[in-house]
N, C-alpha and C. Protein backbone atom coordinates (compact mmCIF):
# COMPACT_ATOMS: atom_id res chain seq x y z
N MET A 1 0.77 -1.19 0.43
CA MET A 1 -0.03 0.07 0.29
C MET A 1 0.85 1.53 -0.14
N SER A 2 0.39 2.05 -0.80
CA SER A 2 1.10 3.46 -0.84
C SER A 2 1.22 4.68 0.43
N GLU A 3 2.06 5.43 0.76
CA GLU A 3 1.69 6.45 2.06
C GLU A 3 0.38 7.01 1.74
N LYS A 4 -0.34 7.12 0.69
CA LYS A 4 -1.10 8.18 0.42
C LYS A 4 -2.22 7.26 -0.53
N GLU A 5 -3.47 6.82 0.41
CA GLU A 5 -4.50 6.07 -0.70
C GLU A 5 -5.50 6.99 -0.30
N VAL A 6 -6.46 7.35 -1.65
CA VAL A 6 -7.29 8.59 -1.89
C VAL A 6 -8.54 7.42 -1.90
N ALA A 7 -9.58 7.07 -0.71
CA ALA A 7 -10.54 6.18 -0.38
C ALA A 7 -11.79 6.78 -1.18
N PHE A 8 -12.14 8.07 -1.09
CA PHE A 8 -13.20 8.54 -1.87
C PHE A 8 -12.69 9.83 -2.35
N SER A 9 -13.15 10.62 -3.21
CA SER A 9 -13.28 12.23 -3.84
C SER A 9 -14.77 12.58 -4.14
N GLY A 10 -15.23 13.20 -3.82
CA GLY A 10 -16.53 13.75 -4.66
C GLY A 10 -17.46 14.86 -3.72
N PRO A 11 -18.74 14.94 -4.02
CA PRO A 11 -19.89 15.58 -2.97
C PRO A 11 -20.15 14.45 -1.79
N VAL A 12 -20.25 15.35 -1.15
CA VAL A 12 -21.14 14.58 0.40
C VAL A 12 -22.07 15.27 0.74
N GLN A 13 -23.05 15.10 2.11
CA GLN A 13 -23.66 15.84 2.90
C GLN A 13 -22.90 15.58 4.10
N VAL A 14 -22.05 16.31 4.93
CA VAL A 14 -21.71 15.85 6.13
C VAL A 14 -22.80 16.05 7.27
N TYR A 15 -22.60 15.08 8.16
CA TYR A 15 -23.51 14.83 9.18
C TYR A 15 -22.35 14.49 10.27
N LEU A 16 -22.32 15.28 11.55
CA LEU A 16 -21.53 15.53 12.84
C LEU A 16 -22.95 15.06 13.73
N GLN A 17 -22.16 13.90 14.62
CA GLN A 17 -23.23 13.50 15.60
C GLN A 17 -22.26 13.71 17.02
N GLY A 18 -22.67 14.43 17.97
CA GLY A 18 -22.61 14.39 19.47
C GLY A 18 -21.45 15.72 19.81
N GLU A 19 -21.43 16.11 20.86
CA GLU A 19 -20.73 17.44 21.20
C GLU A 19 -19.34 17.04 21.48
N ARG A 20 -19.26 16.27 21.81
CA ARG A 20 -17.52 15.90 22.29
C ARG A 20 -16.67 15.17 20.49
N SER A 21 -17.64 15.35 19.39
CA SER A 21 -17.36 14.94 18.34
C SER A 21 -15.35 15.41 17.51
N LEU A 22 -15.56 16.69 18.04
CA LEU A 22 -14.32 17.53 17.59
C LEU A 22 -13.71 18.26 18.27
N SER A 23 -11.95 17.96 18.13
CA SER A 23 -11.25 18.76 19.12
C SER A 23 -10.23 19.32 18.13
N LEU A 24 -10.17 20.90 18.69
CA LEU A 24 -9.35 21.31 17.31
C LEU A 24 -7.66 20.85 17.65
N HIS A 25 -7.29 20.79 16.20
CA HIS A 25 -6.00 20.11 16.12
C HIS A 25 -4.82 21.19 15.87
N ARG A 26 -5.36 22.26 15.39
CA ARG A 26 -4.68 23.59 15.45
C ARG A 26 -5.19 24.83 15.21
N ALA A 27 -5.24 25.66 15.40
CA ALA A 27 -5.77 27.18 15.68
C ALA A 27 -6.24 27.49 14.12
N PRO A 28 -7.25 28.11 13.83
CA PRO A 28 -7.62 28.20 12.49
C PRO A 28 -6.61 29.35 11.80
N THR A 29 -6.63 28.95 10.65
CA THR A 29 -5.66 29.84 9.66
C THR A 29 -6.65 30.41 8.68
N ALA A 30 -6.22 31.45 7.97
CA ALA A 30 -6.97 32.25 6.81
C ALA A 30 -7.55 31.47 6.34
N ARG A 31 -7.23 30.16 5.64
CA ARG A 31 -8.06 29.50 4.65
C ARG A 31 -8.96 28.17 5.22
N SER A 32 -8.27 27.81 6.80
CA SER A 32 -8.69 26.70 6.92
C SER A 32 -8.98 26.33 8.75
N VAL A 33 -9.49 24.91 9.05
CA VAL A 33 -9.51 24.79 10.27
C VAL A 33 -9.24 23.15 10.10
N SER A 34 -8.37 22.98 11.35
CA SER A 34 -7.93 21.71 11.75
C SER A 34 -8.30 21.19 13.03
N TYR A 35 -9.26 19.89 12.64
CA TYR A 35 -9.53 19.00 14.01
C TYR A 35 -9.03 17.57 14.02
N TYR A 36 -9.26 16.94 15.35
CA TYR A 36 -9.14 16.02 15.52
C TYR A 36 -10.51 15.14 15.28
N LEU A 37 -11.27 14.09 15.41
CA LEU A 37 -12.45 13.36 15.12
C LEU A 37 -12.15 12.74 16.81
N GLY A 38 -13.01 12.92 17.48
CA GLY A 38 -12.93 12.91 18.95
C GLY A 38 -11.60 13.55 20.04
N ALA A 39 -10.56 13.00 19.51
CA ALA A 39 -9.66 13.30 20.17
C ALA A 39 -8.31 12.81 19.55
N PRO A 40 -6.85 13.22 20.01
CA PRO A 40 -5.49 13.33 19.13
C PRO A 40 -5.29 11.17 18.87
N ALA A 41 -6.11 10.61 19.91
CA ALA A 41 -5.70 9.47 19.84
C ALA A 41 -6.24 8.55 18.64
N SER A 42 -7.40 9.29 18.28
CA SER A 42 -8.03 8.48 16.86
C SER A 42 -7.09 8.36 15.62
N ASP A 43 -6.38 9.61 15.27
CA ASP A 43 -5.48 9.61 14.30
C ASP A 43 -6.62 9.90 13.02
N ILE A 44 -7.81 10.26 13.39
CA ILE A 44 -8.72 10.84 12.04
C ILE A 44 -8.49 12.52 12.01
N ARG A 45 -7.94 13.19 11.04
CA ARG A 45 -7.58 14.25 10.74
C ARG A 45 -9.05 14.94 9.84
N LEU A 46 -9.56 16.08 10.12
CA LEU A 46 -10.16 16.71 9.25
C LEU A 46 -9.69 18.00 9.07
N ARG A 47 -9.37 18.54 8.10
CA ARG A 47 -8.83 19.94 7.25
C ARG A 47 -10.37 20.37 6.62
N ASP A 48 -10.92 21.30 7.20
CA ASP A 48 -12.30 22.33 6.56
C ASP A 48 -11.58 23.53 5.99
N PHE A 49 -12.06 23.33 4.74
CA PHE A 49 -11.78 24.63 4.16
C PHE A 49 -13.03 25.30 3.93
N ARG A 50 -14.28 24.94 4.45
CA ARG A 50 -15.53 25.59 3.75
C ARG A 50 -15.71 26.87 4.74
N ARG A 51 -16.12 27.58 3.77
CA ARG A 51 -16.44 29.13 4.61
C ARG A 51 -17.13 29.36 5.63
N LEU A 52 -18.53 28.86 5.97
CA LEU A 52 -19.33 28.88 7.28
C LEU A 52 -18.83 28.19 8.16
N PRO A 53 -18.40 27.22 8.24
CA PRO A 53 -17.50 26.29 9.88
C PRO A 53 -16.42 27.06 10.02
N LEU A 54 -15.50 27.15 8.90
CA LEU A 54 -14.47 28.37 9.44
C LEU A 54 -14.78 29.68 9.95
N GLN A 55 -16.03 30.65 10.07
CA GLN A 55 -16.19 31.70 10.28
C GLN A 55 -16.66 30.97 11.74
N ALA A 56 -17.76 30.00 11.91
CA ALA A 56 -18.22 29.58 13.18
C ALA A 56 -17.08 29.43 14.24
N VAL A 57 -16.05 28.67 13.88
CA VAL A 57 -14.67 28.35 14.75
C VAL A 57 -14.15 29.60 14.83
N ARG A 58 -13.85 30.51 14.19
CA ARG A 58 -13.58 31.85 14.73
C ARG A 58 -14.17 32.84 15.57
N GLY A 59 -15.75 32.67 15.30
CA GLY A 59 -16.36 33.17 16.32
C GLY A 59 -17.06 32.33 17.42
N GLY A 60 -16.04 31.37 17.95
CA GLY A 60 -16.39 30.90 18.87
C GLY A 60 -17.80 29.69 19.07
N LEU A 61 -18.08 29.49 18.19
CA LEU A 61 -19.30 28.49 18.30
C LEU A 61 -18.63 27.29 18.87
N LEU A 62 -17.96 26.84 18.01
CA LEU A 62 -17.54 25.41 18.51
C LEU A 62 -17.31 24.90 20.03
N ALA A 63 -16.90 26.52 20.94
CA ALA A 63 -16.84 25.90 22.48
C ALA A 63 -17.78 26.30 22.80
N SER A 64 -19.14 27.12 22.13
CA SER A 64 -19.94 28.30 23.18
C SER A 64 -21.49 27.51 22.91
N SER A 65 -21.53 26.86 21.57
CA SER A 65 -22.55 26.33 21.57
C SER A 65 -22.46 25.43 20.35
N PHE A 66 -22.25 24.15 20.84
CA PHE A 66 -22.17 22.83 19.62
C PHE A 66 -23.43 22.97 18.69
N GLU A 67 -25.03 23.15 19.32
CA GLU A 67 -25.85 22.83 18.35
C GLU A 67 -25.71 23.79 17.04
N ARG A 68 -25.54 25.18 17.79
CA ARG A 68 -25.05 25.94 16.87
C ARG A 68 -24.25 26.08 15.72
N PHE A 69 -22.81 25.85 15.90
CA PHE A 69 -22.08 25.24 15.13
C PHE A 69 -22.42 23.96 14.44
N ALA A 70 -22.86 22.93 14.66
CA ALA A 70 -23.17 21.69 13.83
C ALA A 70 -24.28 22.21 13.13
N SER A 71 -24.97 23.14 13.08
CA SER A 71 -25.95 23.55 11.93
C SER A 71 -25.45 24.14 10.79
N LEU A 72 -24.04 24.62 11.03
CA LEU A 72 -23.45 25.56 10.16
C LEU A 72 -22.43 24.22 9.60
N PHE A 73 -21.93 23.22 10.56
CA PHE A 73 -21.08 22.47 10.01
C PHE A 73 -21.68 21.41 9.10
N ASN A 74 -22.74 20.99 9.37
CA ASN A 74 -23.56 19.86 8.96
C ASN A 74 -23.98 20.59 7.61
N GLY A 75 -23.49 19.70 6.58
CA GLY A 75 -24.19 20.82 5.07
C GLY A 75 -23.12 19.81 3.97
N PRO A 76 -23.56 20.34 2.74
CA PRO A 76 -22.86 19.80 1.38
C PRO A 76 -21.35 20.20 1.71
N ALA A 77 -20.76 19.25 1.12
CA ALA A 77 -19.25 19.66 0.72
C ALA A 77 -18.62 19.09 -0.23
N ARG A 78 -17.56 19.11 -0.76
CA ARG A 78 -17.14 18.08 -1.75
C ARG A 78 -15.71 17.78 -0.77
N VAL A 79 -15.41 16.58 -0.73
CA VAL A 79 -14.59 15.78 0.15
C VAL A 79 -13.39 15.07 -0.38
N GLU A 80 -12.46 15.03 -0.10
CA GLU A 80 -11.17 13.95 -0.05
C GLU A 80 -10.97 13.40 1.29
N ILE A 81 -10.90 12.18 1.06
CA ILE A 81 -10.29 11.27 2.25
C ILE A 81 -9.46 10.56 1.91
N VAL A 82 -8.60 10.46 2.81
CA VAL A 82 -7.30 9.96 2.26
C VAL A 82 -7.03 8.73 3.64
N ASN A 83 -6.67 7.40 3.20
CA ASN A 83 -6.39 6.55 4.23
C ASN A 83 -4.77 6.68 4.45
N LEU A 84 -4.52 6.74 5.70
CA LEU A 84 -2.91 7.23 5.84
C LEU A 84 -2.34 5.64 6.92
N PRO A 85 -1.33 5.50 6.63
CA PRO A 85 -1.03 4.21 7.55
C PRO A 85 -1.52 3.72 8.99
N HIS A 86 -1.70 4.96 9.63
CA HIS A 86 -2.50 5.28 10.81
C HIS A 86 -3.40 5.61 11.40
N GLY A 87 -4.14 5.72 10.16
CA GLY A 87 -5.45 6.66 10.30
C GLY A 87 -5.95 7.36 9.14
N ALA A 88 -6.48 8.43 9.35
CA ALA A 88 -7.21 9.24 7.78
C ALA A 88 -7.14 10.41 7.89
N GLU A 89 -7.16 11.12 7.08
CA GLU A 89 -7.26 12.55 6.64
C GLU A 89 -8.89 13.04 5.75
N ILE A 90 -9.25 13.63 6.38
CA ILE A 90 -10.29 14.17 5.55
C ILE A 90 -10.61 15.51 5.26
N GLN A 91 -10.59 15.82 4.20
CA GLN A 91 -10.54 17.43 3.52
C GLN A 91 -12.03 17.80 3.09
N LEU A 92 -12.35 18.64 3.53
CA LEU A 92 -13.57 19.25 3.28
C LEU A 92 -13.63 20.53 2.40
N HIS A 93 -14.27 20.71 1.46
CA HIS A 93 -14.38 22.09 0.72
C HIS A 93 -15.84 22.38 0.29
N ASP A 94 -15.84 23.85 0.32
CA ASP A 94 -17.08 24.52 -0.06
C ASP A 94 -17.70 23.65 -1.45
N PRO A 95 -19.04 22.85 -1.78
CA PRO A 95 -19.14 22.23 -3.03
C PRO A 95 -19.39 23.29 -4.13
N ASP A 96 -19.18 22.96 -5.33
CA ASP A 96 -19.38 23.49 -6.53
C ASP A 96 -20.92 23.60 -6.59
N LEU A 97 -21.39 24.88 -7.46
CA LEU A 97 -22.96 24.43 -7.25
C LEU A 97 -23.65 23.45 -7.89
N THR A 98 -23.15 23.06 -8.86
CA THR A 98 -23.33 21.87 -9.52
C THR A 98 -23.47 20.31 -8.84
N ASP A 99 -22.79 20.21 -7.44
CA ASP A 99 -22.38 18.96 -6.98
C ASP A 99 -23.76 18.27 -6.33
N GLU A 100 -24.10 17.28 -6.56
CA GLU A 100 -25.14 16.44 -5.88
C GLU A 100 -24.51 15.45 -5.08
N ALA A 101 -24.84 15.71 -3.89
CA ALA A 101 -24.37 14.38 -2.53
C ALA A 101 -25.62 13.43 -2.85
N GLY A 102 -24.09 12.40 -3.31
CA GLY A 102 -24.74 11.12 -3.00
C GLY A 102 -24.90 10.50 -1.99
N GLN A 103 -23.59 10.46 -1.36
CA GLN A 103 -23.55 10.20 0.00
C GLN A 103 -23.48 11.04 1.03
N ILE A 104 -23.55 10.30 2.26
CA ILE A 104 -23.34 11.02 3.80
C ILE A 104 -22.28 10.43 4.37
N LEU A 105 -21.42 11.69 4.52
CA LEU A 105 -20.41 11.75 5.37
C LEU A 105 -20.71 11.81 6.81
N TRP A 106 -20.74 10.79 7.87
CA TRP A 106 -21.25 10.67 9.13
C TRP A 106 -19.82 10.64 9.85
N LEU A 107 -19.90 11.32 10.76
CA LEU A 107 -18.92 11.51 11.72
C LEU A 107 -19.17 12.02 13.28
N GLY A 108 -18.72 11.51 13.89
CA GLY A 108 -18.84 11.25 15.39
C GLY A 108 -18.07 10.13 16.19
N VAL A 109 -18.26 10.26 17.54
CA VAL A 109 -17.57 9.63 18.68
C VAL A 109 -18.64 8.68 19.20
N LEU A 110 -18.49 7.35 19.13
CA LEU A 110 -19.26 6.56 19.62
C LEU A 110 -18.94 6.33 21.34
N ASP A 111 -20.06 5.79 22.19
CA ASP A 111 -19.55 5.81 23.37
C ASP A 111 -19.44 4.11 24.10
N HIS A 112 -19.78 3.58 23.20
CA HIS A 112 -19.93 1.89 23.33
C HIS A 112 -19.49 0.80 22.35
N GLY A 113 -18.70 1.91 21.00
CA GLY A 113 -18.42 1.09 20.49
C GLY A 113 -19.13 0.39 19.17
N TRP A 114 -20.34 0.84 18.70
CA TRP A 114 -21.41 0.85 18.06
C TRP A 114 -21.71 1.51 16.75
N VAL A 115 -21.44 1.47 15.59
CA VAL A 115 -22.27 1.95 14.53
C VAL A 115 -23.27 1.88 14.04
N PRO A 116 -24.07 2.43 14.43
CA PRO A 116 -25.82 2.03 13.80
C PRO A 116 -26.11 2.30 12.51
N ALA A 117 -25.63 1.83 11.28
CA ALA A 117 -25.37 2.41 10.29
C ALA A 117 -25.22 1.16 9.42
N PRO A 118 -26.27 0.44 8.34
CA PRO A 118 -25.80 -0.47 7.10
C PRO A 118 -25.21 0.05 6.49
N ASP A 119 -24.98 -0.83 5.80
CA ASP A 119 -24.16 -0.30 4.09
C ASP A 119 -23.16 1.12 4.03
N ALA A 120 -21.94 0.61 4.98
CA ALA A 120 -21.24 1.76 5.14
C ALA A 120 -20.45 1.42 3.83
N GLU A 121 -19.99 2.44 2.86
CA GLU A 121 -18.87 1.77 2.02
C GLU A 121 -17.72 2.29 2.23
N TRP A 122 -17.31 3.20 3.54
CA TRP A 122 -16.19 3.48 3.97
C TRP A 122 -16.55 3.77 5.30
N GLU A 123 -15.18 3.22 5.97
CA GLU A 123 -15.47 3.61 7.67
C GLU A 123 -13.92 3.35 7.99
N ILE A 124 -13.70 3.88 9.12
CA ILE A 124 -12.68 4.15 10.14
C ILE A 124 -13.25 4.05 11.30
N LEU A 125 -12.75 3.16 12.39
CA LEU A 125 -12.97 3.47 13.50
C LEU A 125 -11.67 3.43 14.42
N ARG A 126 -11.39 4.19 15.36
CA ARG A 126 -10.14 4.05 16.33
C ARG A 126 -10.89 4.45 18.10
N PRO A 127 -9.77 3.42 18.50
CA PRO A 127 -10.20 3.69 20.13
C PRO A 127 -9.78 5.03 20.82
N LEU A 128 -10.42 5.54 21.51
CA LEU A 128 -9.88 7.07 22.56
C LEU A 128 -9.58 6.53 23.46
N GLY A 129 -10.01 5.19 24.32
CA GLY A 129 -10.09 5.01 25.25
C GLY A 129 -11.16 4.86 26.21
N GLY A 130 -11.11 3.60 27.01
CA GLY A 130 -12.48 3.55 27.65
C GLY A 130 -13.33 2.90 26.79
N GLU A 131 -14.54 3.48 26.91
CA GLU A 131 -15.81 3.11 26.06
C GLU A 131 -16.01 3.88 24.74
N ARG A 132 -15.08 5.11 24.68
CA ARG A 132 -15.25 5.64 23.31
C ARG A 132 -14.23 5.56 22.03
N THR A 133 -15.53 5.64 21.00
CA THR A 133 -14.38 5.39 19.63
C THR A 133 -14.65 6.82 18.70
N ALA A 134 -13.62 7.01 18.42
CA ALA A 134 -14.17 7.90 17.04
C ALA A 134 -14.29 7.36 15.83
N PHE A 135 -15.39 7.93 14.88
CA PHE A 135 -15.60 7.20 13.75
C PHE A 135 -16.04 8.21 12.45
N ALA A 136 -15.73 7.68 11.56
CA ALA A 136 -16.02 8.16 10.21
C ALA A 136 -16.77 7.33 9.29
N ALA A 137 -17.72 7.89 8.78
CA ALA A 137 -18.28 6.63 7.84
C ALA A 137 -19.03 7.23 6.58
N LEU A 138 -18.97 6.56 5.24
CA LEU A 138 -19.75 7.23 4.28
C LEU A 138 -20.64 6.45 3.87
N VAL A 139 -21.89 6.35 3.96
CA VAL A 139 -23.20 5.51 3.74
C VAL A 139 -23.64 6.33 2.30
N SER A 140 -24.50 5.17 2.08
CA SER A 140 -25.33 5.83 0.94
C SER A 140 -26.56 6.68 1.69
N GLY A 141 -26.79 7.90 0.73
CA GLY A 141 -27.94 8.63 0.93
C GLY A 141 -29.29 8.45 0.61
């Protein structure tokens, strides 16, 4: 297997589940914000280049109001999912006007190790310790 394996590239509908789903990996830059899914132990990194989520993080919504943040984070995106030797990197970009999402990119943290979604086309699960597991899955829409 090569160092970088693109598992998926295309339009999706993003769905973030759970208040403790994201932790900042780095402070936001002018172009993007970087998160860990769950915690650094997951080794699942998200780089979000989308305008609205970036503005929400800069405005403090991730820390102050998860529901308001999630309403801006959840939405259409053009995504590239890269499998890495010990995890994954997911890049989220604003979609093109002509993009139609055929997949749902479902992100979150499970507290008891169970993903309640049938027919996942791609998924990654990483233990965070205790009963918590970070997950990302691509399911049919």
